[in-house]
């Protein structure tokens, strides 16, 4: 299985933390934030289900820029084989 050693930046980790603590954040934003936080040390990769959610968020006009930032981070940490061989 291809691995992806990217990890969440401190800026995005801060955004993720703020999102998780904000009672007004959407459920999808919180799921993306939790995924980004779990990848802050680079040891974990995004699963296929979170890839689908992140892709949906990025292709939709209804989500905030903050949620899209979290989605982009989660997608960038996907398994390289599912992303097309690490290209």
PDB file of N, CA and C in Angstrom:
ATOM      1  N   UNK A   1       0.838  -1.172   0.000  1.00  0.00           N
ATOM      2  CA  UNK A   1       0.000   0.000   0.000  1.00  0.00           C
ATOM      3  C   UNK A   1       0.880   1.231   0.000  1.00  0.00           C
ATOM      4  N   UNK A   2       0.551   2.229  -0.826  1.00  0.00           N
ATOM      5  CA  UNK A   2       1.318   3.457  -0.864  1.00  0.00           C
ATOM      6  C   UNK A   2       1.075   4.284   0.384  1.00  0.00           C
ATOM      7  N   UNK A   3       2.117   4.929   0.832  1.00  0.00           N
ATOM      8  CA  UNK A   3       1.969   5.755   2.026  1.00  0.00           C
ATOM      9  C   UNK A   3       2.151   7.214   1.674  1.00  0.00           C
ATOM     10  N   UNK A   4       1.618   8.055   2.520  1.00  0.00           N
ATOM     11  CA  UNK A   4       1.725   9.486   2.353  1.00  0.00           C
ATOM     12  C   UNK A   4       2.225  10.030   3.679  1.00  0.00           C
ATOM     13  N   UNK A   5       3.395  10.621   3.683  1.00  0.00           N
ATOM     14  CA  UNK A   5       3.992  11.069   4.942  1.00  0.00           C
ATOM     15  C   UNK A   5       3.666  12.527   5.268  1.00  0.00           C
ATOM     16  N   UNK A   6       2.780  13.138   4.488  1.00  0.00           N
ATOM     17  CA  UNK A   6       2.411  14.529   4.788  1.00  0.00           C
ATOM     18  C   UNK A   6       1.718  14.603   6.131  1.00  0.00           C
ATOM     19  N   UNK A   7       1.904  15.737   6.817  1.00  0.00           N
ATOM     20  CA  UNK A   7       1.218  15.924   8.079  1.00  0.00           C
ATOM     21  C   UNK A   7       0.584  17.304   8.116  1.00  0.00           C
ATOM     22  N   UNK A   8      -0.356  17.468   9.004  1.00  0.00           N
ATOM     23  CA  UNK A   8      -1.096  18.714   9.133  1.00  0.00           C
ATOM     24  C   UNK A   8      -0.176  19.827   9.639  1.00  0.00           C
ATOM     25  N   UNK A   9      -0.227  20.978   8.986  1.00  0.00           N
ATOM     26  CA  UNK A   9       0.576  22.122   9.407  1.00  0.00           C
ATOM     27  C   UNK A   9       0.034  22.684  10.722  1.00  0.00           C
ATOM     28  N   UNK A  10       0.856  23.450  11.408  1.00  0.00           N
ATOM     29  CA  UNK A  10       0.410  24.032  12.679  1.00  0.00           C
ATOM     30  C   UNK A  10      -0.735  25.012  12.462  1.00  0.00           C
ATOM     31  N   UNK A  11      -0.731  25.728  11.348  1.00  0.00           N
ATOM     32  CA  UNK A  11      -1.816  26.666  11.047  1.00  0.00           C
ATOM     33  C   UNK A  11      -3.145  25.924  10.884  1.00  0.00           C
ATOM     34  N   UNK A  12      -3.122  24.814  10.137  1.00  0.00           N
ATOM     35  CA  UNK A  12      -4.345  24.045   9.929  1.00  0.00           C
ATOM     36  C   UNK A  12      -4.733  23.314  11.214  1.00  0.00           C
ATOM     37  N   UNK A  13      -3.763  22.872  11.981  1.00  0.00           N
ATOM     38  CA  UNK A  13      -4.064  22.220  13.261  1.00  0.00           C
ATOM     39  C   UNK A  13      -4.776  23.191  14.199  1.00  0.00           C
ATOM     40  N   UNK A  14      -4.362  24.454  14.186  1.00  0.00           N
ATOM     41  CA  UNK A  14      -5.032  25.476  14.994  1.00  0.00           C
ATOM     42  C   UNK A  14      -6.462  25.680  14.511  1.00  0.00           C
ATOM     43  N   UNK A  15      -6.651  25.770  13.185  1.00  0.00           N
ATOM     44  CA  UNK A  15      -7.992  25.888  12.616  1.00  0.00           C
ATOM     45  C   UNK A  15      -8.843  24.688  13.013  1.00  0.00           C
ATOM     46  N   UNK A  16      -8.274  23.494  12.937  1.00  0.00           N
ATOM     47  CA  UNK A  16      -9.003  22.277  13.295  1.00  0.00           C
ATOM     48  C   UNK A  16      -9.419  22.300  14.766  1.00  0.00           C
ATOM     49  N   UNK A  17      -8.517  22.724  15.626  1.00  0.00           N
ATOM     50  CA  UNK A  17      -8.816  22.807  17.051  1.00  0.00           C
ATOM     51  C   UNK A  17      -9.945  23.800  17.314  1.00  0.00           C
ATOM     52  N   UNK A  18      -9.880  24.953  16.674  1.00  0.00           N
ATOM     53  CA  UNK A  18     -10.930  25.959  16.831  1.00  0.00           C
ATOM     54  C   UNK A  18     -12.268  25.438  16.323  1.00  0.00           C
ATOM     55  N   UNK A  19     -12.247  24.706  15.215  1.00  0.00           N
ATOM     56  CA  UNK A  19     -13.462  24.141  14.639  1.00  0.00           C
ATOM     57  C   UNK A  19     -14.094  23.135  15.595  1.00  0.00           C
ATOM     58  N   UNK A  20     -13.266  22.281  16.187  1.00  0.00           N
ATOM     59  CA  UNK A  20     -13.783  21.268  17.105  1.00  0.00           C
ATOM     60  C   UNK A  20     -14.375  21.889  18.372  1.00  0.00           C
ATOM     61  N   UNK A  21     -13.839  23.012  18.801  1.00  0.00           N
ATOM     62  CA  UNK A  21     -14.331  23.666  20.022  1.00  0.00           C
ATOM     63  C   UNK A  21     -15.531  24.577  19.778  1.00  0.00           C
ATOM     64  N   UNK A  22     -15.782  24.911  18.525  1.00  0.00           N
ATOM     65  CA  UNK A  22     -16.868  25.834  18.199  1.00  0.00           C
ATOM     66  C   UNK A  22     -18.199  25.082  18.126  1.00  0.00           C
ATOM     67  N   UNK A  23     -19.144  25.390  19.015  1.00  0.00           N
ATOM     68  CA  UNK A  23     -20.425  24.674  18.994  1.00  0.00           C
ATOM     69  C   UNK A  23     -21.245  24.958  17.736  1.00  0.00           C
ATOM     70  N   UNK A  24     -20.888  25.992  16.992  1.00  0.00           N
ATOM     71  CA  UNK A  24     -21.634  26.320  15.773  1.00  0.00           C
ATOM     72  C   UNK A  24     -21.043  25.695  14.512  1.00  0.00           C
ATOM     73  N   UNK A  25     -19.923  24.998  14.639  1.00  0.00           N
ATOM     74  CA  UNK A  25     -19.322  24.324  13.479  1.00  0.00           C
ATOM     75  C   UNK A  25     -20.214  23.168  13.036  1.00  0.00           C
ATOM     76  N   UNK A  26     -20.274  22.974  11.732  1.00  0.00           N
ATOM     77  CA  UNK A  26     -21.090  21.884  11.187  1.00  0.00           C
ATOM     78  C   UNK A  26     -20.482  20.520  11.522  1.00  0.00           C
ATOM     79  N   UNK A  27     -21.299  19.495  11.419  1.00  0.00           N
ATOM     80  CA  UNK A  27     -20.827  18.127  11.679  1.00  0.00           C
ATOM     81  C   UNK A  27     -19.729  17.736  10.687  1.00  0.00           C
ATOM     82  N   UNK A  28     -19.888  18.130   9.436  1.00  0.00           N
ATOM     83  CA  UNK A  28     -18.871  17.794   8.429  1.00  0.00           C
ATOM     84  C   UNK A  28     -17.571  18.519   8.735  1.00  0.00           C
ATOM     85  N   UNK A  29     -17.656  19.794   9.116  1.00  0.00           N
ATOM     86  CA  UNK A  29     -16.441  20.544   9.470  1.00  0.00           C
ATOM     87  C   UNK A  29     -15.734  19.878  10.642  1.00  0.00           C
ATOM     88  N   UNK A  30     -16.507  19.411  11.620  1.00  0.00           N
ATOM     89  CA  UNK A  30     -15.899  18.752  12.782  1.00  0.00           C
ATOM     90  C   UNK A  30     -15.267  17.416  12.399  1.00  0.00           C
ATOM     91  N   UNK A  31     -15.891  16.673  11.497  1.00  0.00           N
ATOM     92  CA  UNK A  31     -15.288  15.404  11.049  1.00  0.00           C
ATOM     93  C   UNK A  31     -13.966  15.659  10.326  1.00  0.00           C
ATOM     94  N   UNK A  32     -13.959  16.670   9.462  1.00  0.00           N
ATOM     95  CA  UNK A  32     -12.731  17.011   8.740  1.00  0.00           C
ATOM     96  C   UNK A  32     -11.662  17.500   9.708  1.00  0.00           C
ATOM     97  N   UNK A  33     -12.070  18.305  10.680  1.00  0.00           N
ATOM     98  CA  UNK A  33     -11.124  18.818  11.672  1.00  0.00           C
ATOM     99  C   UNK A  33     -10.515  17.680  12.481  1.00  0.00           C
ATOM    100  N   UNK A  34     -11.343  16.741  12.888  1.00  0.00           N
ATOM    101  CA  UNK A  34     -10.847  15.597  13.663  1.00  0.00           C
ATOM    102  C   UNK A  34      -9.874  14.768  12.832  1.00  0.00           C
ATOM    103  N   UNK A  35     -10.185  14.591  11.560  1.00  0.00           N
ATOM    104  CA  UNK A  35      -9.291  13.840  10.680  1.00  0.00           C
ATOM    105  C   UNK A  35      -7.957  14.568  10.522  1.00  0.00           C
ATOM    106  N   UNK A  36      -8.018  15.869  10.313  1.00  0.00           N
ATOM    107  CA  UNK A  36      -6.783  16.654  10.171  1.00  0.00           C
ATOM    108  C   UNK A  36      -5.951  16.593  11.449  1.00  0.00           C
ATOM    109  N   UNK A  37      -6.603  16.703  12.601  1.00  0.00           N
ATOM    110  CA  UNK A  37      -5.882  16.645  13.875  1.00  0.00           C
ATOM    111  C   UNK A  37      -5.222  15.278  14.080  1.00  0.00           C
ATOM    112  N   UNK A  38      -5.913  14.225  13.684  1.00  0.00           N
ATOM    113  CA  UNK A  38      -5.354  12.882  13.885  1.00  0.00           C
ATOM    114  C   UNK A  38      -4.133  12.642  13.012  1.00  0.00           C
ATOM    115  N   UNK A  39      -3.968  13.474  11.987  1.00  0.00           N
ATOM    116  CA  UNK A  39      -2.845  13.326  11.061  1.00  0.00           C
ATOM    117  C   UNK A  39      -1.738  14.344  11.328  1.00  0.00           C
ATOM    118  N   UNK A  40      -1.800  15.005  12.469  1.00  0.00           N
ATOM    119  CA  UNK A  40      -0.822  16.067  12.735  1.00  0.00           C
ATOM    120  C   UNK A  40       0.598  15.549  12.924  1.00  0.00           C
ATOM    121  N   UNK A  41       0.748  14.260  13.241  1.00  0.00           N
ATOM    122  CA  UNK A  41       2.108  13.724  13.392  1.00  0.00           C
ATOM    123  C   UNK A  41       2.582  12.970  12.152  1.00  0.00           C
ATOM    124  N   UNK A  42       1.739  12.866  11.134  1.00  0.00           N
ATOM    125  CA  UNK A  42       2.114  12.211   9.891  1.00  0.00           C
ATOM    126  C   UNK A  42       2.024  10.704   9.905  1.00  0.00           C
ATOM    127  N   UNK A  43       1.581  10.122  11.026  1.00  0.00           N
ATOM    128  CA  UNK A  43       1.539   8.663  11.137  1.00  0.00           C
ATOM    129  C   UNK A  43       0.278   8.053  10.527  1.00  0.00           C
ATOM    130  N   UNK A  44      -0.761   8.847  10.330  1.00  0.00           N
ATOM    131  CA  UNK A  44      -2.022   8.323   9.796  1.00  0.00           C
ATOM    132  C   UNK A  44      -2.294   8.922   8.430  1.00  0.00           C
ATOM    133  N   UNK A  45      -3.131   8.222   7.656  1.00  0.00           N
ATOM    134  CA  UNK A  45      -3.544   8.688   6.345  1.00  0.00           C
ATOM    135  C   UNK A  45      -5.066   8.767   6.307  1.00  0.00           C
ATOM    136  N   UNK A  46      -5.553   9.561   5.379  1.00  0.00           N
ATOM    137  CA  UNK A  46      -6.988   9.706   5.188  1.00  0.00           C
ATOM    138  C   UNK A  46      -7.576   8.419   4.627  1.00  0.00           C
ATOM    139  N   UNK A  47      -8.690   7.987   5.205  1.00  0.00           N
ATOM    140  CA  UNK A  47      -9.400   6.818   4.702  1.00  0.00           C
ATOM    141  C   UNK A  47     -10.285   7.180   3.517  1.00  0.00           C
ATOM    142  N   UNK A  48     -10.747   6.170   2.794  1.00  0.00           N
ATOM    143  CA  UNK A  48     -11.551   6.388   1.597  1.00  0.00           C
ATOM    144  C   UNK A  48     -12.844   7.139   1.904  1.00  0.00           C
ATOM    145  N   UNK A  49     -13.470   6.878   3.052  1.00  0.00           N
ATOM    146  CA  UNK A  49     -14.714   7.564   3.385  1.00  0.00           C
ATOM    147  C   UNK A  49     -14.492   9.057   3.597  1.00  0.00           C
ATOM    148  N   UNK A  50     -13.405   9.423   4.270  1.00  0.00           N
ATOM    149  CA  UNK A  50     -13.102  10.840   4.483  1.00  0.00           C
ATOM    150  C   UNK A  50     -12.659  11.503   3.184  1.00  0.00           C
ATOM    151  N   UNK A  51     -12.012  10.758   2.303  1.00  0.00           N
ATOM    152  CA  UNK A  51     -11.656  11.305   0.992  1.00  0.00           C
ATOM    153  C   UNK A  51     -12.918  11.728   0.249  1.00  0.00           C
ATOM    154  N   UNK A  52     -13.951  10.881   0.303  1.00  0.00           N
ATOM    155  CA  UNK A  52     -15.204  11.177  -0.391  1.00  0.00           C
ATOM    156  C   UNK A  52     -15.872  12.423   0.195  1.00  0.00           C
ATOM    157  N   UNK A  53     -15.872  12.532   1.519  1.00  0.00           N
ATOM    158  CA  UNK A  53     -16.466  13.700   2.172  1.00  0.00           C
ATOM    159  C   UNK A  53     -15.695  14.964   1.804  1.00  0.00           C
ATOM    160  N   UNK A  54     -14.372  14.892   1.880  1.00  0.00           N
ATOM    161  CA  UNK A  54     -13.539  16.059   1.559  1.00  0.00           C
ATOM    162  C   UNK A  54     -13.725  16.480   0.106  1.00  0.00           C
ATOM    163  N   UNK A  55     -13.798  15.523  -0.785  1.00  0.00           N
ATOM    164  CA  UNK A  55     -14.008  15.829  -2.198  1.00  0.00           C
ATOM    165  C   UNK A  55     -15.354  16.516  -2.416  1.00  0.00           C
ATOM    166  N   UNK A  56     -16.382  16.016  -1.741  1.00  0.00           N
ATOM    167  CA  UNK A  56     -17.713  16.626  -1.834  1.00  0.00           C
ATOM    168  C   UNK A  56     -17.669  18.081  -1.363  1.00  0.00           C
ATOM    169  N   UNK A  57     -17.007  18.328  -0.242  1.00  0.00           N
ATOM    170  CA  UNK A  57     -16.906  19.690   0.306  1.00  0.00           C
ATOM    171  C   UNK A  57     -16.214  20.618  -0.689  1.00  0.00           C
ATOM    172  N   UNK A  58     -15.112  20.163  -1.265  1.00  0.00           N
ATOM    173  CA  UNK A  58     -14.368  21.006  -2.195  1.00  0.00           C
ATOM    174  C   UNK A  58     -15.138  21.304  -3.474  1.00  0.00           C
ATOM    175  N   UNK A  59     -16.048  20.410  -3.842  1.00  0.00           N
ATOM    176  CA  UNK A  59     -16.826  20.603  -5.071  1.00  0.00           C
ATOM    177  C   UNK A  59     -18.165  21.277  -4.838  1.00  0.00           C
ATOM    178  N   UNK A  60     -18.410  21.733  -3.629  1.00  0.00           N
ATOM    179  CA  UNK A  60     -19.683  22.361  -3.283  1.00  0.00           C
ATOM    180  C   UNK A  60     -19.468  23.840  -2.963  1.00  0.00           C
ATOM    181  N   UNK A  61     -20.479  24.638  -3.284  1.00  0.00           N
ATOM    182  CA  UNK A  61     -20.423  26.067  -2.974  1.00  0.00           C
ATOM    183  C   UNK A  61     -20.971  26.385  -1.588  1.00  0.00           C
ATOM    184  N   UNK A  62     -21.522  25.403  -0.890  1.00  0.00           N
ATOM    185  CA  UNK A  62     -22.203  25.702   0.373  1.00  0.00           C
ATOM    186  C   UNK A  62     -21.293  25.709   1.603  1.00  0.00           C
ATOM    187  N   UNK A  63     -20.035  25.320   1.450  1.00  0.00           N
ATOM    188  CA  UNK A  63     -19.131  25.239   2.602  1.00  0.00           C
ATOM    189  C   UNK A  63     -18.209  26.454   2.676  1.00  0.00           C
ATOM    190  N   UNK A  64     -17.826  26.821   3.888  1.00  0.00           N
ATOM    191  CA  UNK A  64     -16.953  27.976   4.117  1.00  0.00           C
ATOM    192  C   UNK A  64     -15.527  27.684   3.648  1.00  0.00           C
ATOM    193  N   UNK A  65     -14.756  28.755   3.526  1.00  0.00           N
ATOM    194  CA  UNK A  65     -13.343  28.605   3.159  1.00  0.00           C
ATOM    195  C   UNK A  65     -12.586  27.811   4.225  1.00  0.00           C
ATOM    196  N   UNK A  66     -12.952  27.982   5.489  1.00  0.00           N
ATOM    197  CA  UNK A  66     -12.295  27.235   6.562  1.00  0.00           C
ATOM    198  C   UNK A  66     -12.554  25.736   6.413  1.00  0.00           C
ATOM    199  N   UNK A  67     -13.800  25.377   6.113  1.00  0.00           N
ATOM    200  CA  UNK A  67     -14.130  23.964   5.924  1.00  0.00           C
ATOM    201  C   UNK A  67     -13.415  23.416   4.698  1.00  0.00           C
ATOM    202  N   UNK A  68     -13.316  24.221   3.650  1.00  0.00           N
ATOM    203  CA  UNK A  68     -12.610  23.783   2.442  1.00  0.00           C
ATOM    204  C   UNK A  68     -11.113  23.629   2.699  1.00  0.00           C
ATOM    205  N   UNK A  69     -10.552  24.469   3.556  1.00  0.00           N
ATOM    206  CA  UNK A  69      -9.141  24.323   3.925  1.00  0.00           C
ATOM    207  C   UNK A  69      -8.920  22.985   4.628  1.00  0.00           C
ATOM    208  N   UNK A  70      -9.814  22.653   5.548  1.00  0.00           N
ATOM    209  CA  UNK A  70      -9.711  21.363   6.244  1.00  0.00           C
ATOM    210  C   UNK A  70      -9.858  20.211   5.251  1.00  0.00           C
ATOM    211  N   UNK A  71     -10.803  20.341   4.316  1.00  0.00           N
ATOM    212  CA  UNK A  71     -11.024  19.289   3.319  1.00  0.00           C
ATOM    213  C   UNK A  71      -9.789  19.104   2.438  1.00  0.00           C
ATOM    214  N   UNK A  72      -9.186  20.200   2.021  1.00  0.00           N
ATOM    215  CA  UNK A  72      -7.987  20.113   1.173  1.00  0.00           C
ATOM    216  C   UNK A  72      -6.838  19.445   1.918  1.00  0.00           C
ATOM    217  N   UNK A  73      -6.707  19.767   3.195  1.00  0.00           N
ATOM    218  CA  UNK A  73      -5.659  19.151   4.006  1.00  0.00           C
ATOM    219  C   UNK A  73      -5.874  17.649   4.115  1.00  0.00           C
ATOM    220  N   UNK A  74      -7.108  17.264   4.391  1.00  0.00           N
ATOM    221  CA  UNK A  74      -7.441  15.842   4.527  1.00  0.00           C
ATOM    222  C   UNK A  74      -7.156  15.109   3.210  1.00  0.00           C
ATOM    223  N   UNK A  75      -7.550  15.705   2.093  1.00  0.00           N
ATOM    224  CA  UNK A  75      -7.292  15.057   0.797  1.00  0.00           C
ATOM    225  C   UNK A  75      -5.805  14.967   0.482  1.00  0.00           C
ATOM    226  N   UNK A  76      -5.044  15.956   0.882  1.00  0.00           N
ATOM    227  CA  UNK A  76      -3.607  15.928   0.589  1.00  0.00           C
ATOM    228  C   UNK A  76      -2.897  14.818   1.357  1.00  0.00           C
ATOM    229  N   UNK A  77      -3.552  14.300   2.385  1.00  0.00           N
ATOM    230  CA  UNK A  77      -2.956  13.243   3.207  1.00  0.00           C
ATOM    231  C   UNK A  77      -3.556  11.869   2.905  1.00  0.00           C
ATOM    232  N   UNK A  78      -4.129  11.743   1.709  1.00  0.00           N
ATOM    233  CA  UNK A  78      -4.731  10.481   1.289  1.00  0.00           C
ATOM    234  C   UNK A  78      -3.675   9.438   0.958  1.00  0.00           C
ATOM    235  N   UNK A  79      -4.108   8.193   0.956  1.00  0.00           N
ATOM    236  CA  UNK A  79      -3.264   7.089   0.539  1.00  0.00           C
ATOM    237  C   UNK A  79      -2.843   7.325  -0.904  1.00  0.00           C
ATOM    238  N   UNK A  80      -1.557   7.257  -1.187  1.00  0.00           N
ATOM    239  CA  UNK A  80      -1.061   7.589  -2.523  1.00  0.00           C
ATOM    240  C   UNK A  80      -1.558   6.633  -3.595  1.00  0.00           C
ATOM    241  N   UNK A  81      -1.832   5.393  -3.260  1.00  0.00           N
ATOM    242  CA  UNK A  81      -2.342   4.461  -4.280  1.00  0.00           C
ATOM    243  C   UNK A  81      -3.748   4.844  -4.703  1.00  0.00           C
ATOM    244  N   UNK A  82      -4.574   5.310  -3.770  1.00  0.00           N
ATOM    245  CA  UNK A  82      -5.916   5.738  -4.130  1.00  0.00           C
ATOM    246  C   UNK A  82      -5.881   7.063  -4.883  1.00  0.00           C
ATOM    247  N   UNK A  83      -4.839   7.867  -4.676  1.00  0.00           N
ATOM    248  CA  UNK A  83      -4.724   9.151  -5.353  1.00  0.00           C
ATOM    249  C   UNK A  83      -4.126   9.004  -6.752  1.00  0.00           C
ATOM    250  N   UNK A  84      -3.750   7.862  -7.148  1.00  0.00           N
ATOM    251  CA  UNK A  84      -3.182   7.695  -8.483  1.00  0.00           C
ATOM    252  C   UNK A  84      -1.690   7.463  -8.473  1.00  0.00           C
ATOM    253  N   UNK A  85      -1.200   6.716  -7.503  1.00  0.00           N
ATOM    254  CA  UNK A  85       0.208   6.329  -7.496  1.00  0.00           C
ATOM    255  C   UNK A  85       1.160   7.382  -6.987  1.00  0.00           C
ATOM    256  N   UNK A  86       0.643   8.360  -6.244  1.00  0.00           N
ATOM    257  CA  UNK A  86       1.523   9.346  -5.643  1.00  0.00           C
ATOM    258  C   UNK A  86       1.894  10.485  -6.539  1.00  0.00           C
ATOM    259  N   UNK A  87       1.187  10.635  -7.648  1.00  0.00           N
ATOM    260  CA  UNK A  87       1.463  11.758  -8.550  1.00  0.00           C
ATOM    261  C   UNK A  87       0.883  13.023  -8.019  1.00  0.00           C
TER     262      UNK A  87
END
